[in-house]
C-alpha atoms as a PDB file:
ATOM      1  CA  MET A   1      72.712  11.843  39.688  1.00  0.00           C
ATOM      2  CA  THR A   2      70.234  10.404  37.527  1.00  0.00           C
ATOM      3  CA  PHE A   3      66.359  11.627  36.129  1.00  0.00           C
ATOM      4  CA  ARG A   4      64.723  10.175  33.252  1.00  0.00           C
ATOM      5  CA  ASN A   5      62.563  12.702  31.493  1.00  0.00           C
ATOM      6  CA  ASP A   6      59.267  10.287  30.222  1.00  0.00           C
ATOM      7  CA  LEU A   7      56.973  10.801  33.211  1.00  0.00           C
ATOM      8  CA  LEU A   8      54.741   8.266  32.128  1.00  0.00           C
ATOM      9  CA  GLY A   9      54.352   6.691  35.605  1.00  0.00           C
ATOM     10  CA  THR A  10      56.478   6.321  38.215  1.00  0.00           C
ATOM     11  CA  ASP A  11      59.386   8.489  37.712  1.00  0.00           C
ATOM     12  CA  PHE A  12      62.905   8.366  39.840  1.00  0.00           C
ATOM     13  CA  VAL A  13      66.246  10.330  41.367  1.00  0.00           C
ATOM     14  CA  GLU A  14      68.690   9.150  42.421  1.00  0.00           C
ATOM     15  CA  VAL A  15      71.175  11.088  44.598  1.00  0.00           C
ATOM     16  CA  PRO A  16      74.403   9.898  46.009  1.00  0.00           C
ATOM     17  CA  THR A  17      75.048  10.811  49.531  1.00  0.00           C
ATOM     18  CA  PRO A  18      77.860  13.722  50.302  1.00  0.00           C
ATOM     19  CA  THR A  19      80.854  13.385  51.006  1.00  0.00           C
ATOM     20  CA  SER A  20      80.856  14.624  54.465  1.00  0.00           C
ATOM     21  CA  TRP A  21      78.295  12.127  55.865  1.00  0.00           C
ATOM     22  CA  SER A  22      81.311   9.556  55.172  1.00  0.00           C
ATOM     23  CA  THR A  23      81.590  11.164  58.635  1.00  0.00           C
ATOM     24  CA  ALA A  24      79.701   9.213  61.839  1.00  0.00           C
ATOM     25  CA  ALA A  25      79.796  12.310  63.887  1.00  0.00           C
ATOM     26  CA  THR A  26      78.568  14.957  60.909  1.00  0.00           C
ATOM     27  CA  ALA A  27      74.984  15.970  60.492  1.00  0.00           C
ATOM     28  CA  ASP A  28      73.893  17.395  57.003  1.00  0.00           C
ATOM     29  CA  GLU A  29      71.343  18.432  54.514  1.00  0.00           C
ATOM     30  CA  TRP A  30      71.597  18.708  50.450  1.00  0.00           C
ATOM     31  CA  PRO A  31      69.285  19.369  47.861  1.00  0.00           C
ATOM     32  CA  ALA A  32      68.574  16.511  46.100  1.00  0.00           C
ATOM     33  CA  TRP A  33      65.842  17.554  43.207  1.00  0.00           C
ATOM     34  CA  THR A  34      63.544  20.653  42.465  1.00  0.00           C
ATOM     35  CA  CYS A  35      60.056  20.010  41.019  1.00  0.00           C
ATOM     36  CA  PRO A  36      60.096  21.535  37.252  1.00  0.00           C
ATOM     37  CA  ALA A  37      57.176  24.474  36.114  1.00  0.00           C
ATOM     38  CA  SER A  38      54.051  23.070  36.068  1.00  0.00           C
ATOM     39  CA  LYS A  39      54.766  20.115  37.194  1.00  0.00           C
ATOM     40  CA  ARG A  40      53.584  17.912  40.659  1.00  0.00           C
ATOM     41  CA  TYR A  41      53.805  14.861  42.048  1.00  0.00           C
ATOM     42  CA  LYS A  42      53.505  12.931  44.740  1.00  0.00           C
ATOM     43  CA  VAL A  43      56.588  10.677  46.177  1.00  0.00           C
ATOM     44  CA  THR A  44      55.714   6.692  45.958  1.00  0.00           C
ATOM     45  CA  ALA A  45      58.969   5.567  47.346  1.00  0.00           C
ATOM     46  CA  VAL A  46      62.198   6.613  49.665  1.00  0.00           C
ATOM     47  CA  LYS A  47      64.466   4.179  49.053  1.00  0.00           C
ATOM     48  CA  LEU A  48      68.727   4.315  50.692  1.00  0.00           C
ATOM     49  CA  VAL A  49      71.338   1.787  49.774  1.00  0.00           C
ATOM     50  CA  PRO A  50      74.464   1.804  51.524  1.00  0.00           C
ATOM     51  CA  ALA A  51      77.505   1.593  50.195  1.00  0.00           C
ATOM     52  CA  THR A  52      79.236   0.386  53.816  1.00  0.00           C
ATOM     53  CA  ALA A  53      76.688  -1.674  55.782  1.00  0.00           C
ATOM     54  CA  ILE A  54      75.617   0.528  58.413  1.00  0.00           C
ATOM     55  CA  THR A  55      75.082  -0.841  62.083  1.00  0.00           C
ATOM     56  CA  ALA A  56      72.093   0.329  64.440  1.00  0.00           C
ATOM     57  CA  SER A  57      72.998   1.486  67.852  1.00  0.00           C
ATOM     58  CA  ALA A  58      71.021   2.544  71.141  1.00  0.00           C
ATOM     59  CA  THR A  59      72.797   5.978  71.658  1.00  0.00           C
ATOM     60  CA  ASP A  60      75.037   6.737  68.037  1.00  0.00           C
ATOM     61  CA  THR A  61      72.184   6.895  66.031  1.00  0.00           C
ATOM     62  CA  VAL A  62      71.927   8.462  62.565  1.00  0.00           C
ATOM     63  CA  THR A  63      68.537   9.129  61.038  1.00  0.00           C
ATOM     64  CA  VAL A  64      68.117   9.795  57.186  1.00  0.00           C
ATOM     65  CA  SER A  65      65.712  11.265  55.541  1.00  0.00           C
ATOM     66  CA  VAL A  66      64.058  13.283  52.533  1.00  0.00           C
ATOM     67  CA  GLN A  67      61.968  17.017  53.518  1.00  0.00           C
ATOM     68  CA  ASN A  68      60.144  18.886  50.779  1.00  0.00           C
ATOM     69  CA  LYS A  69      61.595  22.628  51.635  1.00  0.00           C
ATOM     70  CA  GLY A  70      59.872  24.616  49.279  1.00  0.00           C
ATOM     71  CA  ALA A  71      60.663  26.515  47.337  1.00  0.00           C
ATOM     72  CA  ALA A  72      62.037  29.920  48.945  1.00  0.00           C
ATOM     73  CA  GLY A  73      63.837  26.562  51.148  1.00  0.00           C
ATOM     74  CA  THR A  74      63.159  26.862  54.220  1.00  0.00           C
ATOM     75  CA  GLY A  75      60.154  24.635  54.871  1.00  0.00           C
ATOM     76  CA  THR A  76      60.361  21.385  57.260  1.00  0.00           C
ATOM     77  CA  THR A  77      57.727  18.670  56.282  1.00  0.00           C
ATOM     78  CA  GLU A  78      59.452  15.921  56.501  1.00  0.00           C
ATOM     79  CA  VAL A  79      58.201  13.405  53.011  1.00  0.00           C
ATOM     80  CA  ALA A  80      60.287  10.190  54.816  1.00  0.00           C
ATOM     81  CA  SER A  81      62.746   9.124  57.307  1.00  0.00           C
ATOM     82  CA  PHE A  82      64.456   6.285  58.673  1.00  0.00           C
ATOM     83  CA  ALA A  83      66.062   5.841  61.832  1.00  0.00           C
ATOM     84  CA  PHE A  84      69.502   3.520  63.114  1.00  0.00           C
ATOM     85  CA  ASP A  85      68.573   3.949  66.130  1.00  0.00           C
ATOM     86  CA  THR A  86      67.674  -0.227  67.269  1.00  0.00           C
ATOM     87  CA  ALA A  87      70.949  -2.908  67.363  1.00  0.00           C
ATOM     88  CA  THR A  88      70.415  -5.778  65.134  1.00  0.00           C
ATOM     89  CA  THR A  89      66.195  -4.799  64.154  1.00  0.00           C
ATOM     90  CA  ASP A  90      67.892  -1.308  62.290  1.00  0.00           C
ATOM     91  CA  ASP A  91      71.062  -3.321  60.955  1.00  0.00           C
ATOM     92  CA  VAL A  92      71.152  -2.612  56.926  1.00  0.00           C
ATOM     93  CA  ALA A  93      73.990  -4.370  54.613  1.00  0.00           C
ATOM     94  CA  ALA A  94      76.405  -2.528  51.992  1.00  0.00           C
ATOM     95  CA  PHE A  95      74.364  -2.770  48.760  1.00  0.00           C
ATOM     96  CA  ASP A  96      70.993  -3.853  50.319  1.00  0.00           C
ATOM     97  CA  GLU A  97      68.071  -1.437  49.319  1.00  0.00           C
ATOM     98  CA  LYS A  98      66.653  -0.127  52.932  1.00  0.00           C
ATOM     99  CA  ALA A  99      63.021   1.589  52.308  1.00  0.00           C
ATOM    100  CA  LEU A 100      62.453   4.600  54.364  1.00  0.00           C
ATOM    101  CA  THR A 101      58.903   5.008  55.880  1.00  0.00           C
ATOM    102  CA  LEU A 102      56.753   7.737  54.498  1.00  0.00           C
ATOM    103  CA  SER A 103      55.137  10.395  55.985  1.00  0.00           C
ATOM    104  CA  GLY A 104      51.461   9.218  57.090  1.00  0.00           C
ATOM    105  CA  THR A 105      50.197  12.814  55.846  1.00  0.00           C
ATOM    106  CA  ALA A 106      49.068  12.439  52.241  1.00  0.00           C
ATOM    107  CA  ALA A 107      50.055  16.096  51.709  1.00  0.00           C
ATOM    108  CA  SER A 108      53.181  15.809  52.845  1.00  0.00           C
ATOM    109  CA  LEU A 109      54.320  13.410  49.636  1.00  0.00           C
ATOM    110  CA  VAL A 110      52.630  15.993  46.791  1.00  0.00           C
ATOM    111  CA  VAL A 111      55.803  18.399  45.542  1.00  0.00           C
ATOM    112  CA  THR A 112      54.588  20.750  43.370  1.00  0.00           C
ATOM    113  CA  ALA A 113      56.280  23.076  40.994  1.00  0.00           C
ATOM    114  CA  GLY A 114      59.705  25.327  42.313  1.00  0.00           C
ATOM    115  CA  GLN A 115      59.569  23.107  45.589  1.00  0.00           C
ATOM    116  CA  ILE A 116      63.395  21.803  46.879  1.00  0.00           C
ATOM    117  CA  LEU A 117      63.372  17.832  47.829  1.00  0.00           C
ATOM    118  CA  SER A 118      66.539  17.556  50.122  1.00  0.00           C
ATOM    119  CA  ILE A 119      68.142  14.522  52.072  1.00  0.00           C
ATOM    120  CA  LYS A 120      68.851  14.731  55.555  1.00  0.00           C
ATOM    121  CA  LYS A 121      71.476  13.079  58.358  1.00  0.00           C
ATOM    122  CA  ALA A 122      70.975  14.100  61.608  1.00  0.00           C
ATOM    123  CA  ILE A 123      72.557  12.259  64.391  1.00  0.00           C
ATOM    124  CA  ALA A 124      72.888  11.552  67.991  1.00  0.00           C
ATOM    125  CA  ALA A 125      75.803  11.332  69.691  1.00  0.00           C
ATOM    126  CA  ALA A 126      79.013  10.414  68.089  1.00  0.00           C
ATOM    127  CA  GLY A 127      76.563   9.026  64.810  1.00  0.00           C
ATOM    128  CA  GLN A 128      77.558   6.132  62.344  1.00  0.00           C
ATOM    129  CA  ILE A 129      78.308   6.435  59.002  1.00  0.00           C
ATOM    130  CA  VAL A 130      76.455   6.422  55.820  1.00  0.00           C
ATOM    131  CA  GLU A 131      77.687   6.241  52.451  1.00  0.00           C
ATOM    132  CA  GLY A 132      75.949   5.140  49.442  1.00  0.00           C
ATOM    133  CA  LYS A 133      72.390   7.094  47.198  1.00  0.00           C
ATOM    134  CA  ILE A 134      69.003   7.949  48.396  1.00  0.00           C
ATOM    135  CA  ARG A 135      66.599   7.332  45.513  1.00  0.00           C
ATOM    136  CA  ILE A 136      63.485   8.807  44.726  1.00  0.00           C
ATOM    137  CA  GLU A 137      60.533   7.213  43.500  1.00  0.00           C
ATOM    138  CA  PHE A 138      57.720   9.935  42.482  1.00  0.00           C
ATOM    139  CA  GLU A 139      54.128   9.807  40.139  1.00  0.00           C
ATOM    140  CA  PRO A 140      52.520  12.649  38.546  1.00  0.00           C
ATOM    141  CA  VAL A 141      49.147  14.230  40.200  1.00  0.00           C
ATOM    142  CA  GLY A 142      46.673  16.041  38.890  1.00  0.00           C
ATOM    143  CA  ALA A 143      46.192  19.448  40.360  1.00  0.00           C
END
């Protein structure tokens, strides 16, 4: 995981996908980042960089998302997501960065002190393998 401490503009955290995501039929969710005390950030981009190609399928789908779990770890606010569910259109080559779609609700993009962001893999039917890393970009915002 990479985190730069010089928050003078857009910053980021990069999180490797868990080993369980290497199994197509496994849905899973993992903690990615905790917002530091006395801080407030706005997520500006979320990108998946797969180590292997993802071939989208209308049946064996996979959705990758980032959720704000809140400070207690029980939240379900979706920050960004992308469903690999349309063959050809949603395919992504290995090492080709894929932007996840940010939430259209501005408040869903704000992360405050102590809140935890998770990375989540949801599947339908046999699912898909997702290996690589997820990059979450954010910038500090006022109170």
